[in-house]
Amino acid sequence: MLMRFQLLWPVLATLLVPLIVSWFVYPTHLPPGFGEFPPQFVAQAPGFNLIYFILVAIGAVWISCMMLIPQKMGFKGGTPAPAADRKPLPWWFYAGLVVNLFFWWLMWSHSMAFGDLVYWSFTPMWWGFVFVLDGIVYQRNNGASLVSKQPVLMALAGLVSIGGWAYFEYYDYFVLANWFYPDSAAAPWSKTVLTIEFLLTYSTVTPVILEWYCLLQTFPKLVARYKNGPVWNLNGNYLIGIGALLIGLMVFYPYPLFWVVWIGPFAVMTGVLLRLNIWNPFTDIAKGDWSAGLLIGMASLLNGFFWEFWNFGSHHFVGEPVTNPNYWVYNIPYVDVIHLFSEMPLLGYFGYIPFGVLVWQVFIWCGKLFGFNTDIKLFPSS
């Protein structure tokens, strides 16, 4: 009971702090557009700022170097584990591929040949992709994948993902809609059905990132590259305090501190897990092993390209009629430049890296809070 309280109170504080600060910032005591679901456009964010762009770019270059040239960043590396035996691709790989390709076509073509099914395309397309990735993990990892060995973990990841992404959407209101959903009214649905559809869509986030992580783990040389690196010993109490402070300041300064929408909760969640000695990627980083942290960040980044590409194509490559209510647009201050077949600006992709770690940490946190095991037990080092 005590551990559950210690798990819960800092996270509840991250929900209350922006509401308390908003009481003093806004005449209505809440930010404009608060509670409109899914979030909609509020106001145009400030335009390009070279100094801000350079500062963000420096961070992007640093994390890129950590991933691409770790030996130049203080990593000695380790001895790769033996590669696993190969198995034939399982049946769910092919089933997932068929589902993914069909709903990808349906979403991008805007075809009404199957009636209102087109409006539901986003979620089955992504679950199909999840099973494609799992099938590849199965093939490369001697038949061991989340679907084949830990289906309960996969199902729990989907459930946690719904609450986890709703948690992230909550912070979007306080940065005045860094992302919003302009086509959410396109589907001929009631508000209740629209909400249900969006929540079902949220179920894909955690599973797909975990699948990418498992796929990267099947490359032993890649895993070994990030061993024996710099040691970061972080203090959980400090992280909780810093995260809560940043979240409060974000409400006062939503445009200069727009990035806190990810970093503030990230710091608090990391702090809670470290404070209670619960394993998370930073537990290993404190020992110089960055493999879990960098690979989950890389997993999120790789998946981000698919997220953004499929999202962009659902609106731009064919056109009318509008049939994807899940289509999103960004309204990011200062760095919203250089778009390559996506709504996401180039530097914005680097936000996927801490986002991936945060998604995993939320899953671990939920496991400890509700009493289920979140350990991935597919690899010798797991």
Protein backbone atom coordinates (compact mmCIF):
# COMPACT_ATOMS: atom_id res chain seq x y z
CA MET A 1 0.00 0.00 0.00
CA LEU A 2 2.81 2.41 0.90
CA MET A 3 4.61 1.73 -2.39
CA ARG A 4 1.42 2.38 -4.34
CA PHE A 5 1.00 5.72 -2.59
CA GLN A 6 4.63 6.60 -3.34
CA LEU A 7 4.08 5.63 -6.97
CA LEU A 8 0.87 7.60 -7.27
CA TRP A 9 1.30 10.94 -5.56
CA PRO A 10 4.03 12.46 -7.80
CA VAL A 11 2.07 11.53 -10.94
CA LEU A 12 -1.13 12.99 -9.50
CA ALA A 13 0.87 16.12 -8.72
CA THR A 14 1.86 16.43 -12.38
CA LEU A 15 -1.86 16.48 -13.22
CA LEU A 16 -2.77 19.01 -10.54
CA VAL A 17 0.13 21.45 -10.95
CA PRO A 18 -0.91 22.74 -14.42
CA LEU A 19 -4.52 23.16 -13.24
CA ILE A 20 -3.43 25.15 -10.20
CA VAL A 21 -1.11 27.38 -12.23
CA SER A 22 -3.78 27.89 -14.89
CA TRP A 23 -6.09 29.33 -12.23
CA PHE A 24 -3.72 32.30 -11.96
CA VAL A 25 -2.73 32.56 -15.63
CA TYR A 26 -6.04 32.57 -17.51
CA PRO A 27 -9.13 34.73 -16.91
CA THR A 28 -11.32 31.62 -17.23
CA HIS A 29 -8.86 29.68 -15.00
CA LEU A 30 -8.24 27.16 -17.77
CA PRO A 31 -6.29 27.38 -21.05
CA PRO A 32 -8.34 28.06 -24.20
CA GLY A 33 -9.71 24.89 -25.72
CA PHE A 34 -9.27 22.89 -22.52
CA GLY A 35 -11.41 19.76 -22.50
CA GLU A 36 -12.26 19.82 -26.20
CA PHE A 37 -11.66 16.25 -27.29
CA PRO A 38 -9.86 15.54 -29.45
CA PRO A 39 -7.82 18.77 -29.11
CA GLN A 40 -8.47 21.44 -31.72
CA PHE A 41 -6.57 24.48 -33.01
CA VAL A 42 -6.36 27.28 -30.42
CA ALA A 43 -4.00 29.98 -31.70
CA GLN A 44 -1.13 30.31 -34.14
CA ALA A 45 2.19 29.57 -32.47
CA PRO A 46 5.12 31.98 -32.92
CA GLY A 47 7.08 31.53 -36.14
CA PHE A 48 10.65 30.49 -36.84
CA ASN A 49 13.38 31.59 -34.41
CA LEU A 50 16.98 30.91 -35.47
CA ILE A 51 18.46 30.93 -31.95
CA TYR A 52 15.84 28.49 -30.66
CA PHE A 53 16.32 26.32 -33.74
CA ILE A 54 20.10 26.17 -33.20
CA LEU A 55 19.72 25.25 -29.52
CA VAL A 56 17.32 22.42 -30.33
CA ALA A 57 19.56 21.32 -33.20
CA ILE A 58 22.53 21.03 -30.82
CA GLY A 59 20.54 18.58 -28.70
CA ALA A 60 19.51 16.68 -31.82
CA VAL A 61 23.13 16.40 -33.00
CA TRP A 62 24.25 15.19 -29.57
CA ILE A 63 21.71 12.38 -29.37
CA SER A 64 22.41 11.48 -33.01
CA CYS A 65 26.09 11.08 -32.21
CA MET A 66 25.24 8.87 -29.22
CA MET A 67 23.32 6.56 -31.54
CA LEU A 68 25.46 6.69 -34.68
CA ILE A 69 29.04 7.00 -33.39
CA PRO A 70 28.92 5.79 -29.76
CA GLN A 71 32.64 5.03 -29.73
CA LYS A 72 33.30 8.76 -30.19
CA MET A 73 30.96 9.54 -27.28
CA GLY A 74 32.72 7.47 -24.63
CA PHE A 75 31.29 4.00 -25.26
CA LYS A 76 33.69 1.06 -25.17
CA GLY A 77 31.02 -1.39 -26.24
CA GLY A 78 30.64 -5.00 -25.19
CA THR A 79 30.80 -8.52 -26.52
CA PRO A 80 27.76 -9.30 -28.70
CA ALA A 81 25.57 -12.18 -27.60
CA PRO A 82 25.30 -15.10 -30.01
CA ALA A 83 22.71 -14.57 -32.73
CA ALA A 84 19.51 -16.58 -32.23
CA ASP A 85 18.47 -19.31 -34.62
CA ARG A 86 15.98 -18.40 -37.33
CA LYS A 87 12.42 -19.71 -37.70
CA PRO A 88 9.95 -19.42 -40.59
CA LEU A 89 7.71 -16.38 -40.46
CA PRO A 90 4.55 -17.21 -38.45
CA TRP A 91 1.00 -17.07 -39.77
CA TRP A 92 0.20 -13.84 -37.91
CA PHE A 93 2.92 -12.03 -39.88
CA TYR A 94 1.01 -12.70 -43.10
CA ALA A 95 -2.37 -11.99 -41.52
CA GLY A 96 -1.04 -8.73 -40.10
CA LEU A 97 0.46 -7.78 -43.46
CA VAL A 98 -2.86 -8.31 -45.25
CA VAL A 99 -4.74 -6.26 -42.65
CA ASN A 100 -2.10 -3.52 -42.69
CA LEU A 101 -1.97 -3.21 -46.48
CA PHE A 102 -5.75 -3.31 -46.90
CA PHE A 103 -6.44 -0.56 -44.37
CA TRP A 104 -3.45 1.47 -45.58
CA TRP A 105 -4.98 1.41 -49.05
CA LEU A 106 -8.42 2.19 -47.68
CA MET A 107 -7.19 5.12 -45.58
CA TRP A 108 -5.15 6.70 -48.37
CA SER A 109 -7.64 6.05 -51.16
CA HIS A 110 -10.59 7.52 -49.20
CA SER A 111 -12.66 4.83 -50.89
CA MET A 112 -16.28 4.50 -49.78
CA ALA A 113 -16.52 1.02 -51.34
CA PHE A 114 -16.79 -0.49 -47.86
CA GLY A 115 -19.03 2.22 -46.47
CA ASP A 116 -18.13 3.78 -43.13
CA LEU A 117 -15.30 1.27 -42.58
CA VAL A 118 -12.93 3.81 -44.15
CA TYR A 119 -13.30 6.06 -41.09
CA TRP A 120 -12.03 3.24 -38.85
CA SER A 121 -8.93 2.50 -40.97
CA PHE A 122 -6.23 3.93 -38.72
CA THR A 123 -6.51 1.48 -35.81
CA PRO A 124 -6.60 -1.87 -37.70
CA MET A 125 -3.85 -0.62 -40.02
CA TRP A 126 -1.61 -0.10 -37.02
CA TRP A 127 -2.54 -3.34 -35.26
CA GLY A 128 -1.76 -5.14 -38.51
CA PHE A 129 1.65 -3.46 -38.46
CA VAL A 130 2.18 -4.56 -34.84
CA PHE A 131 1.68 -8.20 -35.86
CA VAL A 132 3.99 -7.77 -38.87
CA LEU A 133 6.76 -6.53 -36.58
CA ASP A 134 6.09 -9.33 -34.10
CA GLY A 135 6.31 -11.91 -36.88
CA ILE A 136 9.75 -10.57 -37.86
CA VAL A 137 10.89 -10.75 -34.22
CA TYR A 138 9.62 -14.35 -34.08
CA GLN A 139 11.54 -15.23 -37.26
CA ARG A 140 14.80 -13.62 -36.08
CA ASN A 141 14.61 -14.75 -32.43
CA ASN A 142 14.14 -18.53 -32.68
CA GLY A 143 10.37 -18.33 -32.30
CA ALA A 144 10.36 -16.05 -29.24
CA SER A 145 8.23 -12.91 -29.60
CA LEU A 146 5.68 -11.04 -27.55
CA VAL A 147 2.77 -12.72 -29.32
CA SER A 148 4.24 -16.22 -29.09
CA LYS A 149 5.69 -16.03 -25.56
CA GLN A 150 4.10 -13.09 -23.73
CA PRO A 151 0.64 -12.44 -25.20
CA VAL A 152 -0.70 -11.22 -21.85
CA LEU A 153 2.02 -8.55 -21.73
CA MET A 154 1.03 -7.50 -25.25
CA ALA A 155 -2.64 -7.19 -24.25
CA LEU A 156 -1.76 -5.24 -21.11
CA ALA A 157 0.46 -2.93 -23.18
CA GLY A 158 -2.55 -2.13 -25.35
CA LEU A 159 -4.71 -1.30 -22.34
CA VAL A 160 -2.02 0.83 -20.68
CA SER A 161 -1.42 2.58 -23.99
CA ILE A 162 -4.99 3.96 -23.96
CA GLY A 163 -4.52 5.63 -20.58
CA GLY A 164 -0.92 6.57 -21.34
CA TRP A 165 -1.71 8.52 -24.49
CA ALA A 166 -4.71 10.18 -22.83
CA TYR A 167 -2.19 11.31 -20.18
CA PHE A 168 -0.05 12.91 -22.90
CA GLU A 169 -3.06 14.52 -24.58
CA TYR A 170 -3.88 16.20 -21.27
CA TYR A 171 -0.63 18.18 -21.37
CA ASP A 172 -1.31 19.26 -24.93
CA TYR A 173 -4.01 21.62 -23.64
CA PHE A 174 -1.45 23.51 -21.55
CA VAL A 175 0.91 24.15 -24.48
CA LEU A 176 -2.05 25.50 -26.49
CA ALA A 177 -2.34 22.52 -28.81
CA ASN A 178 1.12 21.65 -30.11
CA TRP A 179 -0.85 19.04 -32.07
CA PHE A 180 -4.52 18.95 -32.95
CA TYR A 181 -7.01 16.97 -35.05
CA PRO A 182 -8.67 19.20 -37.67
CA ASP A 183 -10.55 16.34 -39.39
CA SER A 184 -12.04 14.75 -36.28
CA ALA A 185 -15.54 15.82 -37.30
CA ALA A 186 -15.22 14.17 -40.73
CA ALA A 187 -16.69 10.85 -39.60
CA PRO A 188 -20.50 10.65 -39.35
CA TRP A 189 -20.34 9.79 -35.67
CA SER A 190 -21.68 11.02 -32.39
CA LYS A 191 -19.22 12.49 -29.90
CA THR A 192 -19.36 9.25 -27.93
CA VAL A 193 -18.43 7.08 -30.92
CA LEU A 194 -15.66 9.51 -31.89
CA THR A 195 -14.22 9.29 -28.37
CA ILE A 196 -14.35 5.49 -28.43
CA GLU A 197 -12.61 5.38 -31.81
CA PHE A 198 -9.83 7.68 -30.60
CA LEU A 199 -9.30 5.61 -27.46
CA LEU A 200 -9.06 2.45 -29.56
CA THR A 201 -6.46 4.18 -31.70
CA TYR A 202 -4.46 5.00 -28.57
CA SER A 203 -4.17 1.25 -27.87
CA THR A 204 -1.52 0.89 -30.58
CA VAL A 205 1.16 3.24 -29.21
CA THR A 206 2.84 1.17 -26.48
CA PRO A 207 2.64 -2.21 -28.29
CA VAL A 208 4.21 -0.93 -31.51
CA ILE A 209 7.10 0.77 -29.72
CA LEU A 210 7.77 -2.37 -27.67
CA GLU A 211 7.73 -4.44 -30.87
CA TRP A 212 10.31 -2.18 -32.50
CA TYR A 213 12.43 -2.44 -29.35
CA CYS A 214 12.24 -6.24 -29.48
CA LEU A 215 13.19 -6.19 -33.15
CA LEU A 216 16.26 -4.05 -32.44
CA GLN A 217 17.22 -6.47 -29.67
CA THR A 218 17.56 -9.22 -32.30
CA PHE A 219 20.69 -7.46 -33.61
CA PRO A 220 23.32 -8.42 -30.97
CA LYS A 221 26.05 -6.18 -32.43
CA LEU A 222 23.73 -3.18 -32.20
CA VAL A 223 22.94 -3.93 -28.57
CA ALA A 224 26.62 -4.36 -27.71
CA ARG A 225 27.53 -0.94 -29.19
CA TYR A 226 25.86 0.84 -26.27
CA LYS A 227 27.50 -1.08 -23.42
CA ASN A 228 30.24 0.33 -21.16
CA GLY A 229 29.38 3.96 -21.78
CA PRO A 230 29.20 7.12 -19.66
CA VAL A 231 27.74 6.64 -16.18
CA TRP A 232 24.78 8.85 -15.30
CA ASN A 233 23.66 8.57 -11.70
CA LEU A 234 20.43 10.56 -11.44
CA ASN A 235 18.67 11.49 -8.21
CA GLY A 236 15.00 10.54 -8.22
CA ASN A 237 13.91 13.24 -5.77
CA TYR A 238 15.59 15.97 -7.80
CA LEU A 239 13.99 14.71 -11.00
CA ILE A 240 10.52 14.79 -9.46
CA GLY A 241 11.07 18.35 -8.26
CA ILE A 242 12.56 19.55 -11.53
CA GLY A 243 9.82 17.91 -13.58
CA ALA A 244 7.02 19.42 -11.46
CA LEU A 245 8.66 22.86 -11.61
CA LEU A 246 9.02 22.69 -15.40
CA ILE A 247 5.38 21.65 -15.79
CA GLY A 248 4.29 24.65 -13.73
CA LEU A 249 6.49 27.05 -15.71
CA MET A 250 5.18 25.53 -18.96
CA VAL A 251 1.72 26.85 -18.14
CA PHE A 252 3.12 30.37 -17.67
CA TYR A 253 5.25 30.18 -20.84
CA PRO A 254 3.56 27.64 -23.15
CA TYR A 255 5.48 28.63 -26.28
CA PRO A 256 9.10 28.97 -25.02
CA LEU A 257 8.64 25.83 -22.90
CA PHE A 258 6.56 23.79 -25.35
CA TRP A 259 9.10 20.95 -25.11
CA VAL A 260 8.21 20.43 -21.44
CA VAL A 261 5.06 18.64 -22.59
CA TRP A 262 7.35 15.59 -22.91
CA ILE A 263 10.33 16.34 -20.68
CA GLY A 264 8.40 17.35 -17.53
CA PRO A 265 6.38 14.11 -17.19
CA PHE A 266 9.49 12.20 -18.35
CA ALA A 267 11.52 13.63 -15.45
CA VAL A 268 8.81 12.93 -12.88
CA MET A 269 8.17 9.38 -14.07
CA THR A 270 11.91 8.63 -14.14
CA GLY A 271 12.30 10.11 -10.68
CA VAL A 272 9.49 8.00 -9.22
CA LEU A 273 10.93 4.76 -10.60
CA LEU A 274 14.48 5.58 -9.50
CA ARG A 275 13.35 6.69 -6.05
CA LEU A 276 11.62 3.35 -5.47
CA ASN A 277 14.45 1.29 -7.02
CA ILE A 278 12.20 0.02 -9.80
CA TRP A 279 14.10 -1.02 -12.91
CA ASN A 280 13.87 1.32 -15.87
CA PRO A 281 16.38 2.26 -18.61
CA PHE A 282 18.10 4.78 -16.32
CA THR A 283 18.86 2.00 -13.84
CA ASP A 284 21.21 0.52 -16.43
CA ILE A 285 22.53 3.92 -17.54
CA ALA A 286 23.73 4.40 -13.95
CA LYS A 287 25.97 1.38 -14.64
CA GLY A 288 27.13 2.60 -18.05
CA ASP A 289 24.75 0.36 -20.04
CA TRP A 290 22.72 2.56 -22.38
CA SER A 291 21.42 -0.23 -24.59
CA ALA A 292 17.85 -0.30 -23.23
CA GLY A 293 17.47 3.49 -23.15
CA LEU A 294 18.91 4.16 -26.59
CA LEU A 295 17.20 1.21 -28.26
CA ILE A 296 13.74 2.14 -26.94
CA GLY A 297 14.38 5.72 -28.09
CA MET A 298 15.53 4.43 -31.47
CA ALA A 299 12.46 2.19 -31.63
CA SER A 300 10.18 5.17 -31.10
CA LEU A 301 12.07 7.24 -33.68
CA LEU A 302 11.87 4.51 -36.33
CA ASN A 303 8.17 4.10 -35.71
CA GLY A 304 7.75 7.86 -35.80
CA PHE A 305 8.63 7.88 -39.50
CA PHE A 306 5.76 5.46 -40.16
CA TRP A 307 3.38 7.42 -37.94
CA GLU A 308 4.11 10.65 -39.71
CA PHE A 309 4.26 9.23 -43.24
CA TRP A 310 0.97 7.36 -42.97
CA ASN A 311 -0.67 10.33 -41.28
CA PHE A 312 0.51 12.77 -43.96
CA GLY A 313 -0.56 10.50 -46.81
CA SER A 314 -4.04 10.03 -45.38
CA HIS A 315 -4.75 13.71 -46.02
CA HIS A 316 -2.45 14.92 -48.78
CA PHE A 317 -1.74 12.21 -51.35
CA VAL A 318 -5.27 11.73 -52.68
CA GLY A 319 -7.42 14.46 -51.20
CA GLU A 320 -11.21 14.51 -50.96
CA PRO A 321 -13.26 13.25 -49.32
CA VAL A 322 -11.77 13.63 -45.84
CA THR A 323 -12.03 10.19 -44.24
CA ASN A 324 -9.36 9.98 -41.51
CA PRO A 325 -10.65 11.55 -38.28
CA ASN A 326 -7.32 10.67 -36.60
CA TYR A 327 -5.27 12.92 -38.91
CA TRP A 328 -3.18 15.36 -36.86
CA VAL A 329 -1.38 18.63 -37.52
CA TYR A 330 1.38 20.31 -35.51
CA ASN A 331 1.43 23.87 -34.24
CA ILE A 332 4.95 24.01 -32.84
CA PRO A 333 6.66 27.34 -32.11
CA TYR A 334 10.13 28.41 -33.33
CA VAL A 335 11.24 25.17 -35.07
CA ASP A 336 8.31 24.36 -37.38
CA VAL A 337 10.41 24.23 -40.56
CA ILE A 338 11.78 21.57 -42.95
CA HIS A 339 8.95 19.14 -43.60
CA LEU A 340 9.74 15.92 -45.48
CA PHE A 341 6.46 14.20 -46.41
CA SER A 342 5.08 14.77 -42.95
CA GLU A 343 3.38 17.31 -40.76
CA MET A 344 6.21 16.90 -38.26
CA PRO A 345 9.12 19.34 -38.71
CA LEU A 346 12.56 17.76 -39.00
CA LEU A 347 13.77 18.60 -35.49
CA GLY A 348 10.48 17.41 -34.05
CA TYR A 349 11.39 13.83 -34.89
CA PHE A 350 14.02 13.89 -32.17
CA GLY A 351 11.24 14.30 -29.63
CA TYR A 352 10.31 10.70 -30.39
CA ILE A 353 13.48 9.54 -28.62
CA PRO A 354 12.56 10.62 -25.06
CA PHE A 355 8.94 9.84 -25.89
CA GLY A 356 9.82 6.17 -26.40
CA VAL A 357 11.52 5.99 -23.01
CA LEU A 358 8.54 7.70 -21.39
CA VAL A 359 6.08 5.26 -22.99
CA TRP A 360 8.04 2.33 -21.56
CA GLN A 361 8.34 3.97 -18.16
CA VAL A 362 4.59 4.59 -17.99
CA PHE A 363 4.07 0.89 -18.76
CA ILE A 364 6.51 -0.12 -16.01
CA TRP A 365 4.87 2.33 -13.59
CA CYS A 366 1.41 0.92 -14.32
CA GLY A 367 2.70 -2.60 -13.78
CA LYS A 368 3.97 -1.73 -10.31
CA LEU A 369 0.84 0.26 -9.45
CA PHE A 370 -1.64 -2.42 -10.54
CA GLY A 371 0.47 -5.50 -9.80
CA PHE A 372 1.33 -7.05 -13.16
CA ASN A 373 4.69 -8.01 -14.64
CA THR A 374 6.05 -5.80 -17.42
CA ASP A 375 9.40 -7.58 -17.92
CA ILE A 376 10.18 -8.54 -21.51
CA LYS A 377 11.57 -12.08 -21.25
CA LEU A 378 12.59 -12.86 -24.81
CA PHE A 379 16.34 -12.34 -24.77
CA PRO A 380 19.26 -13.75 -22.74
CA SER A 381 19.94 -10.39 -21.06
CA SER A 382 16.24 -9.82 -20.15
